């Protein structure tokens, strides 16, 4: 877990970049506050209940926490699988994306 030290000697965890959709319940704007709070405690495992767009789960996972994302909505489950369980590099999807973007001609 990387971070910086503030004027008072406290370690502050840098907030990683995340991806997702914009919606009213997104926690994107409060990520820095969440990271400030958790930088003050010793924790390795995190449960992101009501994870929605998975912004918090993504950021925590990228920061090195063992993260569990949970939400009742199917779209949230899909985002969690795509962002948290994916181990491939974006370049590995190029051929598939090119195929899906091409016109279909039987």
PDB file of N, CA and C in Angstrom:
ATOM      1  N   UNK A   1       0.844  -1.166   0.000  1.00  0.00           N
ATOM      2  CA  UNK A   1       0.000   0.000   0.000  1.00  0.00           C
ATOM      3  C   UNK A   1       0.892   1.232   0.000  1.00  0.00           C
ATOM      4  N   UNK A   2       0.795   2.035  -1.035  1.00  0.00           N
ATOM      5  CA  UNK A   2       1.626   3.231  -1.123  1.00  0.00           C
ATOM      6  C   UNK A   2       0.840   4.444  -0.647  1.00  0.00           C
ATOM      7  N   UNK A   3       1.568   5.478  -0.302  1.00  0.00           N
ATOM      8  CA  UNK A   3       0.891   6.677   0.153  1.00  0.00           C
ATOM      9  C   UNK A   3       1.884   7.794   0.384  1.00  0.00           C
ATOM     10  N   UNK A   4       1.387   8.848   1.005  1.00  0.00           N
ATOM     11  CA  UNK A   4       2.213   9.992   1.337  1.00  0.00           C
ATOM     12  C   UNK A   4       2.053  10.282   2.823  1.00  0.00           C
ATOM     13  N   UNK A   5       2.931  11.094   3.360  1.00  0.00           N
ATOM     14  CA  UNK A   5       2.850  11.461   4.769  1.00  0.00           C
ATOM     15  C   UNK A   5       2.493  12.937   4.844  1.00  0.00           C
ATOM     16  N   UNK A   6       1.463  13.255   5.654  1.00  0.00           N
ATOM     17  CA  UNK A   6       1.044  14.651   5.766  1.00  0.00           C
ATOM     18  C   UNK A   6       1.916  15.402   6.775  1.00  0.00           C
ATOM     19  N   UNK A   7       1.597  16.647   7.034  1.00  0.00           N
ATOM     20  CA  UNK A   7       2.384  17.492   7.939  1.00  0.00           C
ATOM     21  C   UNK A   7       2.450  16.958   9.366  1.00  0.00           C
ATOM     22  N   UNK A   8       1.496  16.131   9.747  1.00  0.00           N
ATOM     23  CA  UNK A   8       1.432  15.621  11.106  1.00  0.00           C
ATOM     24  C   UNK A   8       2.030  14.226  11.239  1.00  0.00           C
ATOM     25  N   UNK A   9       2.634  13.730  10.156  1.00  0.00           N
ATOM     26  CA  UNK A   9       3.268  12.415  10.189  1.00  0.00           C
ATOM     27  C   UNK A   9       2.332  11.260   9.911  1.00  0.00           C
ATOM     28  N   UNK A  10       1.106  11.565   9.531  1.00  0.00           N
ATOM     29  CA  UNK A  10       0.130  10.517   9.230  1.00  0.00           C
ATOM     30  C   UNK A  10       0.277  10.061   7.784  1.00  0.00           C
ATOM     31  N   UNK A  11       0.219   8.761   7.585  1.00  0.00           N
ATOM     32  CA  UNK A  11       0.291   8.223   6.229  1.00  0.00           C
ATOM     33  C   UNK A  11      -1.064   8.368   5.566  1.00  0.00           C
ATOM     34  N   UNK A  12      -1.076   8.920   4.380  1.00  0.00           N
ATOM     35  CA  UNK A  12      -2.307   9.073   3.615  1.00  0.00           C
ATOM     36  C   UNK A  12      -2.199   8.195   2.379  1.00  0.00           C
ATOM     37  N   UNK A  13      -3.199   7.361   2.166  1.00  0.00           N
ATOM     38  CA  UNK A  13      -3.204   6.476   1.010  1.00  0.00           C
ATOM     39  C   UNK A  13      -3.689   7.270  -0.201  1.00  0.00           C
ATOM     40  N   UNK A  14      -2.948   7.187  -1.291  1.00  0.00           N
ATOM     41  CA  UNK A  14      -3.350   7.877  -2.511  1.00  0.00           C
ATOM     42  C   UNK A  14      -4.564   7.169  -3.114  1.00  0.00           C
ATOM     43  N   UNK A  15      -5.515   7.936  -3.601  1.00  0.00           N
ATOM     44  CA  UNK A  15      -6.734   7.377  -4.186  1.00  0.00           C
ATOM     45  C   UNK A  15      -6.487   6.991  -5.637  1.00  0.00           C
ATOM     46  N   UNK A  16      -6.559   5.694  -5.945  1.00  0.00           N
ATOM     47  CA  UNK A  16      -6.342   5.257  -7.330  1.00  0.00           C
ATOM     48  C   UNK A  16      -7.469   5.698  -8.261  1.00  0.00           C
ATOM     49  N   UNK A  17      -7.185   5.760  -9.537  1.00  0.00           N
ATOM     50  CA  UNK A  17      -8.194   6.074 -10.552  1.00  0.00           C
ATOM     51  C   UNK A  17      -9.128   4.883 -10.707  1.00  0.00           C
ATOM     52  N   UNK A  18     -10.402   5.168 -10.949  1.00  0.00           N
ATOM     53  CA  UNK A  18     -11.401   4.122 -11.168  1.00  0.00           C
ATOM     54  C   UNK A  18     -12.182   4.425 -12.437  1.00  0.00           C
ATOM     55  N   UNK A  19     -12.927   3.444 -12.893  1.00  0.00           N
ATOM     56  CA  UNK A  19     -13.778   3.622 -14.064  1.00  0.00           C
ATOM     57  C   UNK A  19     -15.205   3.252 -13.688  1.00  0.00           C
ATOM     58  N   UNK A  20     -16.151   3.728 -14.461  1.00  0.00           N
ATOM     59  CA  UNK A  20     -17.528   3.349 -14.184  1.00  0.00           C
ATOM     60  C   UNK A  20     -18.524   4.260 -14.844  1.00  0.00           C
ATOM     61  N   UNK A  21     -19.739   4.133 -14.365  1.00  0.00           N
ATOM     62  CA  UNK A  21     -20.830   4.921 -14.905  1.00  0.00           C
ATOM     63  C   UNK A  21     -21.177   6.040 -13.935  1.00  0.00           C
ATOM     64  N   UNK A  22     -21.718   7.113 -14.460  1.00  0.00           N
ATOM     65  CA  UNK A  22     -22.103   8.247 -13.626  1.00  0.00           C
ATOM     66  C   UNK A  22     -23.558   8.049 -13.204  1.00  0.00           C
ATOM     67  N   UNK A  23     -23.789   8.070 -11.899  1.00  0.00           N
ATOM     68  CA  UNK A  23     -25.159   8.010 -11.404  1.00  0.00           C
ATOM     69  C   UNK A  23     -25.233   8.677 -10.034  1.00  0.00           C
ATOM     70  N   UNK A  24     -26.427   8.979  -9.584  1.00  0.00           N
ATOM     71  CA  UNK A  24     -26.630   9.794  -8.385  1.00  0.00           C
ATOM     72  C   UNK A  24     -26.010   9.207  -7.123  1.00  0.00           C
ATOM     73  N   UNK A  25     -25.946   7.902  -6.988  1.00  0.00           N
ATOM     74  CA  UNK A  25     -25.425   7.289  -5.769  1.00  0.00           C
ATOM     75  C   UNK A  25     -23.947   6.978  -5.803  1.00  0.00           C
ATOM     76  N   UNK A  26     -23.261   7.389  -6.830  1.00  0.00           N
ATOM     77  CA  UNK A  26     -21.833   7.084  -6.952  1.00  0.00           C
ATOM     78  C   UNK A  26     -21.035   7.706  -5.814  1.00  0.00           C
ATOM     79  N   UNK A  27     -20.053   6.949  -5.319  1.00  0.00           N
ATOM     80  CA  UNK A  27     -19.196   7.429  -4.236  1.00  0.00           C
ATOM     81  C   UNK A  27     -17.871   7.977  -4.759  1.00  0.00           C
ATOM     82  N   UNK A  28     -17.793   8.234  -6.047  1.00  0.00           N
ATOM     83  CA  UNK A  28     -16.560   8.718  -6.665  1.00  0.00           C
ATOM     84  C   UNK A  28     -16.003   9.956  -5.962  1.00  0.00           C
ATOM     85  N   UNK A  29     -16.858  10.917  -5.682  1.00  0.00           N
ATOM     86  CA  UNK A  29     -16.396  12.179  -5.104  1.00  0.00           C
ATOM     87  C   UNK A  29     -15.963  12.063  -3.644  1.00  0.00           C
ATOM     88  N   UNK A  30     -16.407  11.013  -2.953  1.00  0.00           N
ATOM     89  CA  UNK A  30     -16.008  10.875  -1.548  1.00  0.00           C
ATOM     90  C   UNK A  30     -14.881   9.856  -1.352  1.00  0.00           C
ATOM     91  N   UNK A  31     -14.340   9.320  -2.448  1.00  0.00           N
ATOM     92  CA  UNK A  31     -13.225   8.379  -2.325  1.00  0.00           C
ATOM     93  C   UNK A  31     -12.052   8.926  -1.513  1.00  0.00           C
ATOM     94  N   UNK A  32     -11.625  10.180  -1.739  1.00  0.00           N
ATOM     95  CA  UNK A  32     -10.507  10.688  -0.929  1.00  0.00           C
ATOM     96  C   UNK A  32     -10.805  10.674   0.576  1.00  0.00           C
ATOM     97  N   UNK A  33     -12.043  10.944   0.967  1.00  0.00           N
ATOM     98  CA  UNK A  33     -12.415  10.937   2.377  1.00  0.00           C
ATOM     99  C   UNK A  33     -12.407   9.516   2.941  1.00  0.00           C
ATOM    100  N   UNK A  34     -12.871   8.567   2.133  1.00  0.00           N
ATOM    101  CA  UNK A  34     -12.850   7.162   2.544  1.00  0.00           C
ATOM    102  C   UNK A  34     -11.408   6.720   2.764  1.00  0.00           C
ATOM    103  N   UNK A  35     -10.527   7.087   1.844  1.00  0.00           N
ATOM    104  CA  UNK A  35      -9.128   6.706   1.971  1.00  0.00           C
ATOM    105  C   UNK A  35      -8.458   7.398   3.150  1.00  0.00           C
ATOM    106  N   UNK A  36      -8.827   8.636   3.435  1.00  0.00           N
ATOM    107  CA  UNK A  36      -8.289   9.311   4.620  1.00  0.00           C
ATOM    108  C   UNK A  36      -8.686   8.557   5.889  1.00  0.00           C
ATOM    109  N   UNK A  37      -9.934   8.103   5.967  1.00  0.00           N
ATOM    110  CA  UNK A  37     -10.401   7.394   7.163  1.00  0.00           C
ATOM    111  C   UNK A  37      -9.719   6.042   7.327  1.00  0.00           C
ATOM    112  N   UNK A  38      -9.594   5.283   6.231  1.00  0.00           N
ATOM    113  CA  UNK A  38      -9.001   3.958   6.390  1.00  0.00           C
ATOM    114  C   UNK A  38      -7.489   4.005   6.546  1.00  0.00           C
ATOM    115  N   UNK A  39      -6.867   5.125   6.198  1.00  0.00           N
ATOM    116  CA  UNK A  39      -5.416   5.220   6.377  1.00  0.00           C
ATOM    117  C   UNK A  39      -5.056   5.293   7.859  1.00  0.00           C
ATOM    118  N   UNK A  40      -6.034   5.568   8.701  1.00  0.00           N
ATOM    119  CA  UNK A  40      -5.791   5.697  10.133  1.00  0.00           C
ATOM    120  C   UNK A  40      -5.955   4.385  10.889  1.00  0.00           C
ATOM    121  N   UNK A  41      -6.369   3.316  10.209  1.00  0.00           N
ATOM    122  CA  UNK A  41      -6.571   2.025  10.876  1.00  0.00           C
ATOM    123  C   UNK A  41      -5.796   0.933  10.144  1.00  0.00           C
ATOM    124  N   UNK A  42      -5.505  -0.142  10.845  1.00  0.00           N
ATOM    125  CA  UNK A  42      -4.831  -1.280  10.226  1.00  0.00           C
ATOM    126  C   UNK A  42      -5.897  -2.245   9.737  1.00  0.00           C
ATOM    127  N   UNK A  43      -5.979  -2.364   8.423  1.00  0.00           N
ATOM    128  CA  UNK A  43      -6.968  -3.257   7.832  1.00  0.00           C
ATOM    129  C   UNK A  43      -6.416  -3.783   6.515  1.00  0.00           C
ATOM    130  N   UNK A  44      -6.685  -5.052   6.244  1.00  0.00           N
ATOM    131  CA  UNK A  44      -6.261  -5.664   4.981  1.00  0.00           C
ATOM    132  C   UNK A  44      -7.453  -6.085   4.133  1.00  0.00           C
ATOM    133  N   UNK A  45      -8.530  -6.518   4.798  1.00  0.00           N
ATOM    134  CA  UNK A  45      -9.722  -7.016   4.119  1.00  0.00           C
ATOM    135  C   UNK A  45     -10.855  -6.014   4.262  1.00  0.00           C
ATOM    136  N   UNK A  46     -11.542  -5.762   3.143  1.00  0.00           N
ATOM    137  CA  UNK A  46     -12.616  -4.766   3.140  1.00  0.00           C
ATOM    138  C   UNK A  46     -13.850  -5.342   2.449  1.00  0.00           C
ATOM    139  N   UNK A  47     -15.019  -5.099   3.036  1.00  0.00           N
ATOM    140  CA  UNK A  47     -16.289  -5.439   2.405  1.00  0.00           C
ATOM    141  C   UNK A  47     -16.932  -4.143   1.946  1.00  0.00           C
ATOM    142  N   UNK A  48     -17.197  -4.037   0.654  1.00  0.00           N
ATOM    143  CA  UNK A  48     -17.910  -2.886   0.107  1.00  0.00           C
ATOM    144  C   UNK A  48     -19.350  -3.320  -0.097  1.00  0.00           C
ATOM    145  N   UNK A  49     -20.159  -3.177   0.943  1.00  0.00           N
ATOM    146  CA  UNK A  49     -21.578  -3.513   0.859  1.00  0.00           C
ATOM    147  C   UNK A  49     -22.312  -2.419   0.116  1.00  0.00           C
ATOM    148  N   UNK A  50     -23.337  -2.773  -0.629  1.00  0.00           N
ATOM    149  CA  UNK A  50     -24.081  -1.809  -1.443  1.00  0.00           C
ATOM    150  C   UNK A  50     -23.120  -1.127  -2.417  1.00  0.00           C
ATOM    151  N   UNK A  51     -22.347  -1.910  -3.130  1.00  0.00           N
ATOM    152  CA  UNK A  51     -21.216  -1.409  -3.919  1.00  0.00           C
ATOM    153  C   UNK A  51     -21.586  -0.634  -5.173  1.00  0.00           C
ATOM    154  N   UNK A  52     -22.800  -0.735  -5.648  1.00  0.00           N
ATOM    155  CA  UNK A  52     -23.225   0.070  -6.795  1.00  0.00           C
ATOM    156  C   UNK A  52     -22.304  -0.031  -7.980  1.00  0.00           C
ATOM    157  N   UNK A  53     -21.693   1.079  -8.356  1.00  0.00           N
ATOM    158  CA  UNK A  53     -20.823   1.112  -9.540  1.00  0.00           C
ATOM    159  C   UNK A  53     -19.433   0.543  -9.269  1.00  0.00           C
ATOM    160  N   UNK A  54     -19.183   0.077  -8.081  1.00  0.00           N
ATOM    161  CA  UNK A  54     -17.919  -0.531  -7.641  1.00  0.00           C
ATOM    162  C   UNK A  54     -16.757   0.451  -7.586  1.00  0.00           C
ATOM    163  N   UNK A  55     -17.009   1.748  -7.565  1.00  0.00           N
ATOM    164  CA  UNK A  55     -15.915   2.722  -7.504  1.00  0.00           C
ATOM    165  C   UNK A  55     -15.052   2.509  -6.258  1.00  0.00           C
ATOM    166  N   UNK A  56     -15.699   2.301  -5.107  1.00  0.00           N
ATOM    167  CA  UNK A  56     -14.957   2.096  -3.865  1.00  0.00           C
ATOM    168  C   UNK A  56     -14.204   0.769  -3.934  1.00  0.00           C
ATOM    169  N   UNK A  57     -14.868  -0.282  -4.388  1.00  0.00           N
ATOM    170  CA  UNK A  57     -14.219  -1.592  -4.508  1.00  0.00           C
ATOM    171  C   UNK A  57     -13.011  -1.532  -5.429  1.00  0.00           C
ATOM    172  N   UNK A  58     -13.155  -0.864  -6.564  1.00  0.00           N
ATOM    173  CA  UNK A  58     -12.041  -0.740  -7.510  1.00  0.00           C
ATOM    174  C   UNK A  58     -10.853  -0.029  -6.864  1.00  0.00           C
ATOM    175  N   UNK A  59     -11.129   1.087  -6.217  1.00  0.00           N
ATOM    176  CA  UNK A  59     -10.054   1.883  -5.619  1.00  0.00           C
ATOM    177  C   UNK A  59      -9.355   1.104  -4.507  1.00  0.00           C
ATOM    178  N   UNK A  60     -10.133   0.440  -3.665  1.00  0.00           N
ATOM    179  CA  UNK A  60      -9.540  -0.328  -2.574  1.00  0.00           C
ATOM    180  C   UNK A  60      -8.711  -1.488  -3.102  1.00  0.00           C
ATOM    181  N   UNK A  61      -9.220  -2.158  -4.110  1.00  0.00           N
ATOM    182  CA  UNK A  61      -8.489  -3.273  -4.711  1.00  0.00           C
ATOM    183  C   UNK A  61      -7.175  -2.799  -5.324  1.00  0.00           C
ATOM    184  N   UNK A  62      -7.219  -1.684  -6.055  1.00  0.00           N
ATOM    185  CA  UNK A  62      -6.004  -1.133  -6.669  1.00  0.00           C
ATOM    186  C   UNK A  62      -4.992  -0.674  -5.623  1.00  0.00           C
ATOM    187  N   UNK A  63      -5.482  -0.297  -4.443  1.00  0.00           N
ATOM    188  CA  UNK A  63      -4.598   0.149  -3.368  1.00  0.00           C
ATOM    189  C   UNK A  63      -4.017  -1.022  -2.586  1.00  0.00           C
ATOM    190  N   UNK A  64      -4.401  -2.245  -2.939  1.00  0.00           N
ATOM    191  CA  UNK A  64      -3.805  -3.423  -2.314  1.00  0.00           C
ATOM    192  C   UNK A  64      -4.640  -4.101  -1.253  1.00  0.00           C
ATOM    193  N   UNK A  65      -5.877  -3.668  -1.060  1.00  0.00           N
ATOM    194  CA  UNK A  65      -6.731  -4.315  -0.077  1.00  0.00           C
ATOM    195  C   UNK A  65      -7.399  -5.545  -0.688  1.00  0.00           C
ATOM    196  N   UNK A  66      -7.606  -6.587   0.128  1.00  0.00           N
ATOM    197  CA  UNK A  66      -8.405  -7.732  -0.295  1.00  0.00           C
ATOM    198  C   UNK A  66      -9.852  -7.248  -0.206  1.00  0.00           C
ATOM    199  N   UNK A  67     -10.518  -7.130  -1.353  1.00  0.00           N
ATOM    200  CA  UNK A  67     -11.806  -6.455  -1.422  1.00  0.00           C
ATOM    201  C   UNK A  67     -12.921  -7.393  -1.838  1.00  0.00           C
ATOM    202  N   UNK A  68     -14.029  -7.348  -1.107  1.00  0.00           N
ATOM    203  CA  UNK A  68     -15.247  -8.071  -1.467  1.00  0.00           C
ATOM    204  C   UNK A  68     -16.302  -7.034  -1.795  1.00  0.00           C
ATOM    205  N   UNK A  69     -16.884  -7.162  -2.984  1.00  0.00           N
ATOM    206  CA  UNK A  69     -17.904  -6.230  -3.450  1.00  0.00           C
ATOM    207  C   UNK A  69     -19.253  -6.931  -3.409  1.00  0.00           C
ATOM    208  N   UNK A  70     -20.272  -6.255  -2.879  1.00  0.00           N
ATOM    209  CA  UNK A  70     -21.579  -6.896  -2.758  1.00  0.00           C
ATOM    210  C   UNK A  70     -22.698  -5.893  -3.037  1.00  0.00           C
ATOM    211  N   UNK A  71     -23.623  -6.307  -3.882  1.00  0.00           N
ATOM    212  CA  UNK A  71     -24.791  -5.490  -4.191  1.00  0.00           C
ATOM    213  C   UNK A  71     -25.842  -6.417  -4.780  1.00  0.00           C
ATOM    214  N   UNK A  72     -27.103  -6.076  -4.643  1.00  0.00           N
ATOM    215  CA  UNK A  72     -28.183  -6.918  -5.143  1.00  0.00           C
ATOM    216  C   UNK A  72     -28.399  -6.770  -6.654  1.00  0.00           C
ATOM    217  N   UNK A  73     -27.957  -5.676  -7.233  1.00  0.00           N
ATOM    218  CA  UNK A  73     -28.231  -5.438  -8.646  1.00  0.00           C
ATOM    219  C   UNK A  73     -27.294  -6.230  -9.555  1.00  0.00           C
ATOM    220  N   UNK A  74     -27.848  -6.689 -10.656  1.00  0.00           N
ATOM    221  CA  UNK A  74     -27.085  -7.484 -11.623  1.00  0.00           C
ATOM    222  C   UNK A  74     -25.997  -6.633 -12.271  1.00  0.00           C
ATOM    223  N   UNK A  75     -26.284  -5.373 -12.574  1.00  0.00           N
ATOM    224  CA  UNK A  75     -25.287  -4.526 -13.224  1.00  0.00           C
ATOM    225  C   UNK A  75     -24.091  -4.306 -12.308  1.00  0.00           C
ATOM    226  N   UNK A  76     -24.318  -4.234 -10.997  1.00  0.00           N
ATOM    227  CA  UNK A  76     -23.219  -4.083 -10.058  1.00  0.00           C
ATOM    228  C   UNK A  76     -22.367  -5.347 -10.021  1.00  0.00           C
ATOM    229  N   UNK A  77     -23.016  -6.489 -10.059  1.00  0.00           N
ATOM    230  CA  UNK A  77     -22.284  -7.760 -10.105  1.00  0.00           C
ATOM    231  C   UNK A  77     -21.425  -7.838 -11.366  1.00  0.00           C
ATOM    232  N   UNK A  78     -21.990  -7.393 -12.477  1.00  0.00           N
ATOM    233  CA  UNK A  78     -21.252  -7.403 -13.748  1.00  0.00           C
ATOM    234  C   UNK A  78     -20.034  -6.491 -13.682  1.00  0.00           C
ATOM    235  N   UNK A  79     -20.213  -5.288 -13.139  1.00  0.00           N
ATOM    236  CA  UNK A  79     -19.077  -4.367 -13.000  1.00  0.00           C
ATOM    237  C   UNK A  79     -18.021  -4.931 -12.055  1.00  0.00           C
ATOM    238  N   UNK A  80     -18.449  -5.541 -10.960  1.00  0.00           N
ATOM    239  CA  UNK A  80     -17.497  -6.117 -10.006  1.00  0.00           C
ATOM    240  C   UNK A  80     -16.682  -7.225 -10.660  1.00  0.00           C
ATOM    241  N   UNK A  81     -17.339  -8.083 -11.420  1.00  0.00           N
ATOM    242  CA  UNK A  81     -16.607  -9.151 -12.106  1.00  0.00           C
ATOM    243  C   UNK A  81     -15.624  -8.572 -13.121  1.00  0.00           C
ATOM    244  N   UNK A  82     -16.057  -7.562 -13.856  1.00  0.00           N
ATOM    245  CA  UNK A  82     -15.205  -6.972 -14.892  1.00  0.00           C
ATOM    246  C   UNK A  82     -14.003  -6.250 -14.289  1.00  0.00           C
ATOM    247  N   UNK A  83     -14.201  -5.500 -13.215  1.00  0.00           N
ATOM    248  CA  UNK A  83     -13.125  -4.686 -12.664  1.00  0.00           C
ATOM    249  C   UNK A  83     -12.303  -5.381 -11.580  1.00  0.00           C
ATOM    250  N   UNK A  84     -12.905  -6.308 -10.851  1.00  0.00           N
ATOM    251  CA  UNK A  84     -12.194  -6.904  -9.721  1.00  0.00           C
ATOM    252  C   UNK A  84     -11.642  -8.295  -9.996  1.00  0.00           C
ATOM    253  N   UNK A  85     -12.282  -9.035 -10.887  1.00  0.00           N
ATOM    254  CA  UNK A  85     -11.823 -10.396 -11.147  1.00  0.00           C
ATOM    255  C   UNK A  85     -11.005 -10.517 -12.421  1.00  0.00           C
ATOM    256  N   UNK A  86     -11.016  -9.500 -13.241  1.00  0.00           N
ATOM    257  CA  UNK A  86     -10.286  -9.529 -14.503  1.00  0.00           C
ATOM    258  C   UNK A  86      -8.782  -9.447 -14.247  1.00  0.00           C
ATOM    259  N   UNK A  87      -8.039 -10.365 -14.845  1.00  0.00           N
ATOM    260  CA  UNK A  87      -6.582 -10.359 -14.679  1.00  0.00           C
ATOM    261  C   UNK A  87      -5.851 -10.090 -15.991  1.00  0.00           C
ATOM    262  N   UNK A  88      -6.607  -9.881 -17.072  1.00  0.00           N
ATOM    263  CA  UNK A  88      -5.978  -9.648 -18.371  1.00  0.00           C
ATOM    264  C   UNK A  88      -5.665  -8.168 -18.573  1.00  0.00           C
ATOM    265  N   UNK A  89      -4.671  -7.911 -19.410  1.00  0.00           N
ATOM    266  CA  UNK A  89      -4.323  -6.551 -19.789  1.00  0.00           C
ATOM    267  C   UNK A  89      -5.299  -6.078 -20.866  1.00  0.00           C
ATOM    268  N   UNK A  90      -5.590  -4.779 -20.923  1.00  0.00           N
ATOM    269  CA  UNK A  90      -6.504  -4.267 -21.948  1.00  0.00           C
ATOM    270  C   UNK A  90      -6.108  -4.670 -23.362  1.00  0.00           C
ATOM    271  N   UNK A  91      -4.829  -4.750 -23.641  1.00  0.00           N
ATOM    272  CA  UNK A  91      -4.368  -5.106 -24.991  1.00  0.00           C
ATOM    273  C   UNK A  91      -4.791  -6.522 -25.393  1.00  0.00           C
ATOM    274  N   UNK A  92      -5.032  -7.376 -24.422  1.00  0.00           N
ATOM    275  CA  UNK A  92      -5.434  -8.751 -24.715  1.00  0.00           C
ATOM    276  C   UNK A  92      -6.864  -8.827 -25.263  1.00  0.00           C
ATOM    277  N   UNK A  93      -7.612  -7.747 -25.163  1.00  0.00           N
ATOM    278  CA  UNK A  93      -8.987  -7.725 -25.656  1.00  0.00           C
ATOM    279  C   UNK A  93      -9.114  -7.079 -27.034  1.00  0.00           C
ATOM    280  N   UNK A  94      -8.027  -6.576 -27.573  1.00  0.00           N
ATOM    281  CA  UNK A  94      -8.083  -5.836 -28.835  1.00  0.00           C
ATOM    282  C   UNK A  94      -8.735  -6.628 -29.954  1.00  0.00           C
ATOM    283  N   UNK A  95      -8.333  -7.861 -30.155  1.00  0.00           N
ATOM    284  CA  UNK A  95      -8.890  -8.669 -31.235  1.00  0.00           C
ATOM    285  C   UNK A  95     -10.399  -8.855 -31.052  1.00  0.00           C
ATOM    286  N   UNK A  96     -10.838  -9.131 -29.851  1.00  0.00           N
ATOM    287  CA  UNK A  96     -12.265  -9.310 -29.585  1.00  0.00           C
ATOM    288  C   UNK A  96     -13.028  -8.008 -29.816  1.00  0.00           C
ATOM    289  N   UNK A  97     -12.500  -6.891 -29.336  1.00  0.00           N
ATOM    290  CA  UNK A  97     -13.163  -5.596 -29.508  1.00  0.00           C
ATOM    291  C   UNK A  97     -13.245  -5.229 -30.987  1.00  0.00           C
ATOM    292  N   UNK A  98     -12.166  -5.459 -31.712  1.00  0.00           N
ATOM    293  CA  UNK A  98     -12.178  -5.189 -33.154  1.00  0.00           C
ATOM    294  C   UNK A  98     -13.245  -6.027 -33.852  1.00  0.00           C
ATOM    295  N   UNK A  99     -13.363  -7.274 -33.462  1.00  0.00           N
ATOM    296  CA  UNK A  99     -14.380  -8.153 -34.047  1.00  0.00           C
ATOM    297  C   UNK A  99     -15.791  -7.641 -33.737  1.00  0.00           C
ATOM    298  N   UNK A 100     -16.017  -7.275 -32.484  1.00  0.00           N
ATOM    299  CA  UNK A 100     -17.346  -6.801 -32.086  1.00  0.00           C
ATOM    300  C   UNK A 100     -17.700  -5.461 -32.733  1.00  0.00           C
ATOM    301  N   UNK A 101     -16.692  -4.652 -33.034  1.00  0.00           N
ATOM    302  CA  UNK A 101     -16.926  -3.357 -33.662  1.00  0.00           C
ATOM    303  C   UNK A 101     -17.037  -3.437 -35.179  1.00  0.00           C
ATOM    304  N   UNK A 102     -16.670  -4.568 -35.752  1.00  0.00           N
ATOM    305  CA  UNK A 102     -16.738  -4.692 -37.213  1.00  0.00           C
ATOM    306  C   UNK A 102     -18.157  -5.006 -37.656  1.00  0.00           C
ATOM    307  N   UNK A 103     -18.425  -4.713 -38.909  1.00  0.00           N
ATOM    308  CA  UNK A 103     -19.738  -5.034 -39.450  1.00  0.00           C
ATOM    309  C   UNK A 103     -19.837  -6.522 -39.674  1.00  0.00           C
ATOM    310  N   UNK A 104     -20.983  -7.056 -39.373  1.00  0.00           N
ATOM    311  CA  UNK A 104     -21.198  -8.489 -39.554  1.00  0.00           C
ATOM    312  C   UNK A 104     -21.660  -8.739 -40.979  1.00  0.00           C
ATOM    313  N   UNK A 105     -20.967  -9.620 -41.667  1.00  0.00           N
ATOM    314  CA  UNK A 105     -21.405  -9.992 -43.012  1.00  0.00           C
ATOM    315  C   UNK A 105     -21.300 -11.508 -43.145  1.00  0.00           C
ATOM    316  N   UNK A 106     -22.460 -12.152 -43.210  1.00  0.00           N
ATOM    317  CA  UNK A 106     -22.480 -13.636 -43.275  1.00  0.00           C
ATOM    318  C   UNK A 106     -21.911 -14.200 -44.562  1.00  0.00           C
TER     319      UNK A 106
END
